[in-house]
Amino acid sequence: MEGIFSVKSDVFSFGVLLLEIVSGRKNSGFNRTDSHVSLTGYAWDLWQKNDCTELMDPLLAASCSAITFLRCIQVALLCVQESAADRPNMLDVVSMLTNETVPLPTPQQPAFSTARSLLVEETSTGKIESCTENGLSISAMEA
């Protein structure tokens, strides 16, 4: 990222943290067999399929309504959008989370959500090895 950070970097981190809280899963070391590179990518895929309830931590089911849960997912996805300029500021995030009447925009694709592709290579010794190649996006903001 060339050392360029902004308040939108904190918004991104908050979005990841919110996804971790509502899903009960960690983003670091996130590993799914269906080629999701991160928790944000998994949440985005479920959002696209209109199936976010699969992401809900079972421990939250009794204390959190589906509407509140889906609102948290939508706010989190707004926070982790690929373009930092599209991410809300923290004042707006707090407003969206505390006021259910505030309309939410539709999130765009999150950063770091590109799926892994499996590569199979033959080495000089004739052995076949598999490895993963990760694609990612980087948003840089300049003042």
C-alpha atoms as a PDB file:
ATOM      1  CA  MET A   1       0.000   0.000   0.000  1.00  0.00           C
ATOM      2  CA  GLU A   2       3.052   2.252  -0.177  1.00  0.00           C
ATOM      3  CA  GLY A   3       2.533   3.457   3.402  1.00  0.00           C
ATOM      4  CA  ILE A   4      -0.607   5.418   2.546  1.00  0.00           C
ATOM      5  CA  PHE A   5      -3.274   5.037   5.213  1.00  0.00           C
ATOM      6  CA  SER A   6      -6.319   7.069   6.078  1.00  0.00           C
ATOM      7  CA  VAL A   7      -9.275   7.025   8.430  1.00  0.00           C
ATOM      8  CA  LYS A   8     -10.881   4.722   5.859  1.00  0.00           C
ATOM      9  CA  SER A   9      -8.277   2.091   6.810  1.00  0.00           C
ATOM     10  CA  ASP A  10      -9.786   2.078  10.303  1.00  0.00           C
ATOM     11  CA  VAL A  11     -13.276   1.803   8.799  1.00  0.00           C
ATOM     12  CA  PHE A  12     -12.127  -1.246   6.839  1.00  0.00           C
ATOM     13  CA  SER A  13     -10.720  -2.837  10.014  1.00  0.00           C
ATOM     14  CA  PHE A  14     -13.963  -2.131  11.859  1.00  0.00           C
ATOM     15  CA  GLY A  15     -15.922  -3.837   9.075  1.00  0.00           C
ATOM     16  CA  VAL A  16     -13.762  -6.954   9.364  1.00  0.00           C
ATOM     17  CA  LEU A  17     -14.179  -6.915  13.155  1.00  0.00           C
ATOM     18  CA  LEU A  18     -17.965  -6.586  12.813  1.00  0.00           C
ATOM     19  CA  LEU A  19     -18.035  -9.596  10.464  1.00  0.00           C
ATOM     20  CA  GLU A  20     -15.956 -11.584  12.964  1.00  0.00           C
ATOM     21  CA  ILE A  21     -18.344 -10.713  15.805  1.00  0.00           C
ATOM     22  CA  VAL A  22     -21.590 -11.584  14.019  1.00  0.00           C
ATOM     23  CA  SER A  23     -20.202 -14.750  12.422  1.00  0.00           C
ATOM     24  CA  GLY A  24     -18.155 -16.052  15.347  1.00  0.00           C
ATOM     25  CA  ARG A  25     -15.293 -16.712  12.895  1.00  0.00           C
ATOM     26  CA  LYS A  26     -11.844 -15.191  12.561  1.00  0.00           C
ATOM     27  CA  ASN A  27     -10.750 -13.470   9.380  1.00  0.00           C
ATOM     28  CA  SER A  28      -7.114 -14.441   9.918  1.00  0.00           C
ATOM     29  CA  GLY A  29      -6.523 -17.977   8.822  1.00  0.00           C
ATOM     30  CA  PHE A  30      -9.991 -18.161   7.270  1.00  0.00           C
ATOM     31  CA  ASN A  31     -10.026 -21.277   5.137  1.00  0.00           C
ATOM     32  CA  ARG A  32     -13.027 -22.564   3.254  1.00  0.00           C
ATOM     33  CA  THR A  33     -12.951 -25.421   0.794  1.00  0.00           C
ATOM     34  CA  ASP A  34     -15.070 -23.467  -1.675  1.00  0.00           C
ATOM     35  CA  SER A  35     -12.208 -21.073  -2.547  1.00  0.00           C
ATOM     36  CA  HIS A  36     -12.995 -18.044  -0.392  1.00  0.00           C
ATOM     37  CA  VAL A  37      -9.852 -16.147   0.361  1.00  0.00           C
ATOM     38  CA  SER A  38     -11.203 -14.369   3.457  1.00  0.00           C
ATOM     39  CA  LEU A  39     -14.182 -13.928   5.717  1.00  0.00           C
ATOM     40  CA  THR A  40     -15.046 -10.769   3.778  1.00  0.00           C
ATOM     41  CA  GLY A  41     -15.073 -12.723   0.514  1.00  0.00           C
ATOM     42  CA  TYR A  42     -17.258 -15.415   2.068  1.00  0.00           C
ATOM     43  CA  ALA A  43     -19.683 -12.811   3.446  1.00  0.00           C
ATOM     44  CA  TRP A  44     -19.782 -11.085   0.052  1.00  0.00           C
ATOM     45  CA  ASP A  45     -20.569 -14.350  -1.714  1.00  0.00           C
ATOM     46  CA  LEU A  46     -23.404 -15.084   0.715  1.00  0.00           C
ATOM     47  CA  TRP A  47     -24.673 -11.495   0.321  1.00  0.00           C
ATOM     48  CA  GLN A  48     -24.744 -11.915  -3.461  1.00  0.00           C
ATOM     49  CA  LYS A  49     -26.716 -15.160  -3.042  1.00  0.00           C
ATOM     50  CA  ASN A  50     -29.136 -13.573  -0.524  1.00  0.00           C
ATOM     51  CA  ASP A  51     -28.082 -16.221   2.000  1.00  0.00           C
ATOM     52  CA  CYS A  52     -26.350 -14.250   4.780  1.00  0.00           C
ATOM     53  CA  THR A  53     -28.178 -16.098   7.547  1.00  0.00           C
ATOM     54  CA  GLU A  54     -25.729 -18.969   6.941  1.00  0.00           C
ATOM     55  CA  LEU A  55     -23.040 -16.639   8.300  1.00  0.00           C
ATOM     56  CA  MET A  56     -24.816 -16.012  11.628  1.00  0.00           C
ATOM     57  CA  ASP A  57     -23.103 -17.247  14.777  1.00  0.00           C
ATOM     58  CA  PRO A  58     -25.544 -19.784  16.285  1.00  0.00           C
ATOM     59  CA  LEU A  59     -24.953 -18.223  19.707  1.00  0.00           C
ATOM     60  CA  LEU A  60     -26.499 -14.966  18.438  1.00  0.00           C
ATOM     61  CA  ALA A  61     -29.651 -16.577  17.061  1.00  0.00           C
ATOM     62  CA  ALA A  62     -31.556 -16.339  20.355  1.00  0.00           C
ATOM     63  CA  SER A  63     -30.611 -12.734  21.144  1.00  0.00           C
ATOM     64  CA  CYS A  64     -30.424 -11.065  17.723  1.00  0.00           C
ATOM     65  CA  SER A  65     -33.208 -10.631  15.183  1.00  0.00           C
ATOM     66  CA  ALA A  66     -32.543 -11.575  11.571  1.00  0.00           C
ATOM     67  CA  ILE A  67     -33.169  -7.959  10.517  1.00  0.00           C
ATOM     68  CA  THR A  68     -30.549  -6.630  12.949  1.00  0.00           C
ATOM     69  CA  PHE A  69     -28.104  -9.328  11.893  1.00  0.00           C
ATOM     70  CA  LEU A  70     -28.557  -8.552   8.179  1.00  0.00           C
ATOM     71  CA  ARG A  71     -28.140  -4.837   8.879  1.00  0.00           C
ATOM     72  CA  CYS A  72     -24.837  -5.557  10.656  1.00  0.00           C
ATOM     73  CA  ILE A  73     -23.659  -7.614   7.667  1.00  0.00           C
ATOM     74  CA  GLN A  74     -24.629  -4.846   5.245  1.00  0.00           C
ATOM     75  CA  VAL A  75     -22.839  -2.186   7.324  1.00  0.00           C
ATOM     76  CA  ALA A  76     -19.762  -4.423   7.590  1.00  0.00           C
ATOM     77  CA  LEU A  77     -19.744  -4.932   3.809  1.00  0.00           C
ATOM     78  CA  LEU A  78     -20.033  -1.165   3.302  1.00  0.00           C
ATOM     79  CA  CYS A  79     -16.961  -0.750   5.533  1.00  0.00           C
ATOM     80  CA  VAL A  80     -14.824  -3.224   3.578  1.00  0.00           C
ATOM     81  CA  GLN A  81     -15.624  -2.024   0.060  1.00  0.00           C
ATOM     82  CA  GLU A  82     -12.704  -2.181  -2.345  1.00  0.00           C
ATOM     83  CA  SER A  83     -12.606   1.547  -2.966  1.00  0.00           C
ATOM     84  CA  ALA A  84     -11.768   3.480   0.197  1.00  0.00           C
ATOM     85  CA  ALA A  85     -13.711   6.449  -1.195  1.00  0.00           C
ATOM     86  CA  ASP A  86     -16.888   4.325  -1.157  1.00  0.00           C
ATOM     87  CA  ARG A  87     -16.510   3.368   2.511  1.00  0.00           C
ATOM     88  CA  PRO A  88     -18.574   5.335   5.040  1.00  0.00           C
ATOM     89  CA  ASN A  89     -16.912   7.372   7.764  1.00  0.00           C
ATOM     90  CA  MET A  90     -17.197   6.153  11.357  1.00  0.00           C
ATOM     91  CA  LEU A  91     -19.852   8.729  12.243  1.00  0.00           C
ATOM     92  CA  ASP A  92     -22.061   7.296   9.484  1.00  0.00           C
ATOM     93  CA  VAL A  93     -21.258   3.728  10.582  1.00  0.00           C
ATOM     94  CA  VAL A  94     -22.390   4.488  14.139  1.00  0.00           C
ATOM     95  CA  SER A  95     -25.536   6.153  12.802  1.00  0.00           C
ATOM     96  CA  MET A  96     -26.326   3.163  10.562  1.00  0.00           C
ATOM     97  CA  LEU A  97     -25.879   0.724  13.450  1.00  0.00           C
ATOM     98  CA  THR A  98     -27.861   2.677  16.048  1.00  0.00           C
ATOM     99  CA  ASN A  99     -30.701   4.002  13.899  1.00  0.00           C
ATOM    100  CA  GLU A 100     -32.669   1.370  12.001  1.00  0.00           C
ATOM    101  CA  THR A 101     -34.510   4.031   9.986  1.00  0.00           C
ATOM    102  CA  VAL A 102     -31.327   5.241   8.270  1.00  0.00           C
ATOM    103  CA  PRO A 103     -31.426   3.786   4.743  1.00  0.00           C
ATOM    104  CA  LEU A 104     -28.357   1.748   3.808  1.00  0.00           C
ATOM    105  CA  PRO A 105     -26.696   1.931   0.406  1.00  0.00           C
ATOM    106  CA  THR A 106     -25.952  -1.270  -1.474  1.00  0.00           C
ATOM    107  CA  PRO A 107     -22.364  -2.394  -0.840  1.00  0.00           C
ATOM    108  CA  GLN A 108     -19.871  -2.921  -3.640  1.00  0.00           C
ATOM    109  CA  GLN A 109     -17.362  -5.777  -3.844  1.00  0.00           C
ATOM    110  CA  PRO A 110     -15.038  -5.865  -0.847  1.00  0.00           C
ATOM    111  CA  ALA A 111     -11.280  -5.566  -0.991  1.00  0.00           C
ATOM    112  CA  PHE A 112      -9.249  -8.762  -0.667  1.00  0.00           C
ATOM    113  CA  SER A 113     -12.122 -10.977  -1.774  1.00  0.00           C
ATOM    114  CA  THR A 114     -10.651 -12.478  -4.932  1.00  0.00           C
ATOM    115  CA  ALA A 115     -10.849 -16.251  -4.878  1.00  0.00           C
ATOM    116  CA  ARG A 116      -7.793 -18.461  -4.826  1.00  0.00           C
ATOM    117  CA  SER A 117      -6.952 -20.457  -7.884  1.00  0.00           C
ATOM    118  CA  LEU A 118      -5.216 -23.802  -7.549  1.00  0.00           C
ATOM    119  CA  LEU A 119      -2.144 -24.247  -9.696  1.00  0.00           C
ATOM    120  CA  VAL A 120      -0.528 -27.574 -10.435  1.00  0.00           C
ATOM    121  CA  GLU A 121       3.099 -27.395 -11.484  1.00  0.00           C
ATOM    122  CA  GLU A 122       5.669 -29.968 -12.432  1.00  0.00           C
ATOM    123  CA  THR A 123       9.039 -29.284 -10.817  1.00  0.00           C
ATOM    124  CA  SER A 124      12.444 -29.891 -12.373  1.00  0.00           C
ATOM    125  CA  THR A 125      12.592 -33.209 -10.510  1.00  0.00           C
ATOM    126  CA  GLY A 126       9.406 -34.387 -12.197  1.00  0.00           C
ATOM    127  CA  LYS A 127       7.290 -34.109  -9.048  1.00  0.00           C
ATOM    128  CA  ILE A 128       3.869 -32.546  -9.320  1.00  0.00           C
ATOM    129  CA  GLU A 129       3.147 -29.920  -6.693  1.00  0.00           C
ATOM    130  CA  SER A 130       0.099 -27.825  -6.044  1.00  0.00           C
ATOM    131  CA  CYS A 131       0.099 -24.296  -4.767  1.00  0.00           C
ATOM    132  CA  THR A 132      -2.341 -21.438  -4.491  1.00  0.00           C
ATOM    133  CA  GLU A 133      -2.208 -18.095  -6.162  1.00  0.00           C
ATOM    134  CA  ASN A 134      -3.957 -15.254  -4.369  1.00  0.00           C
ATOM    135  CA  GLY A 135      -5.287 -12.231  -6.164  1.00  0.00           C
ATOM    136  CA  LEU A 136      -5.974  -9.093  -4.158  1.00  0.00           C
ATOM    137  CA  SER A 137      -6.838  -5.488  -4.556  1.00  0.00           C
ATOM    138  CA  ILE A 138      -5.297  -2.482  -2.868  1.00  0.00           C
ATOM    139  CA  SER A 139      -6.939   0.880  -2.288  1.00  0.00           C
ATOM    140  CA  ALA A 140      -4.669   3.873  -1.861  1.00  0.00           C
ATOM    141  CA  MET A 141      -5.954   7.264  -0.722  1.00  0.00           C
ATOM    142  CA  GLU A 142      -3.958  10.448  -1.039  1.00  0.00           C
ATOM    143  CA  ALA A 143      -4.858  13.742   0.574  1.00  0.00           C
END
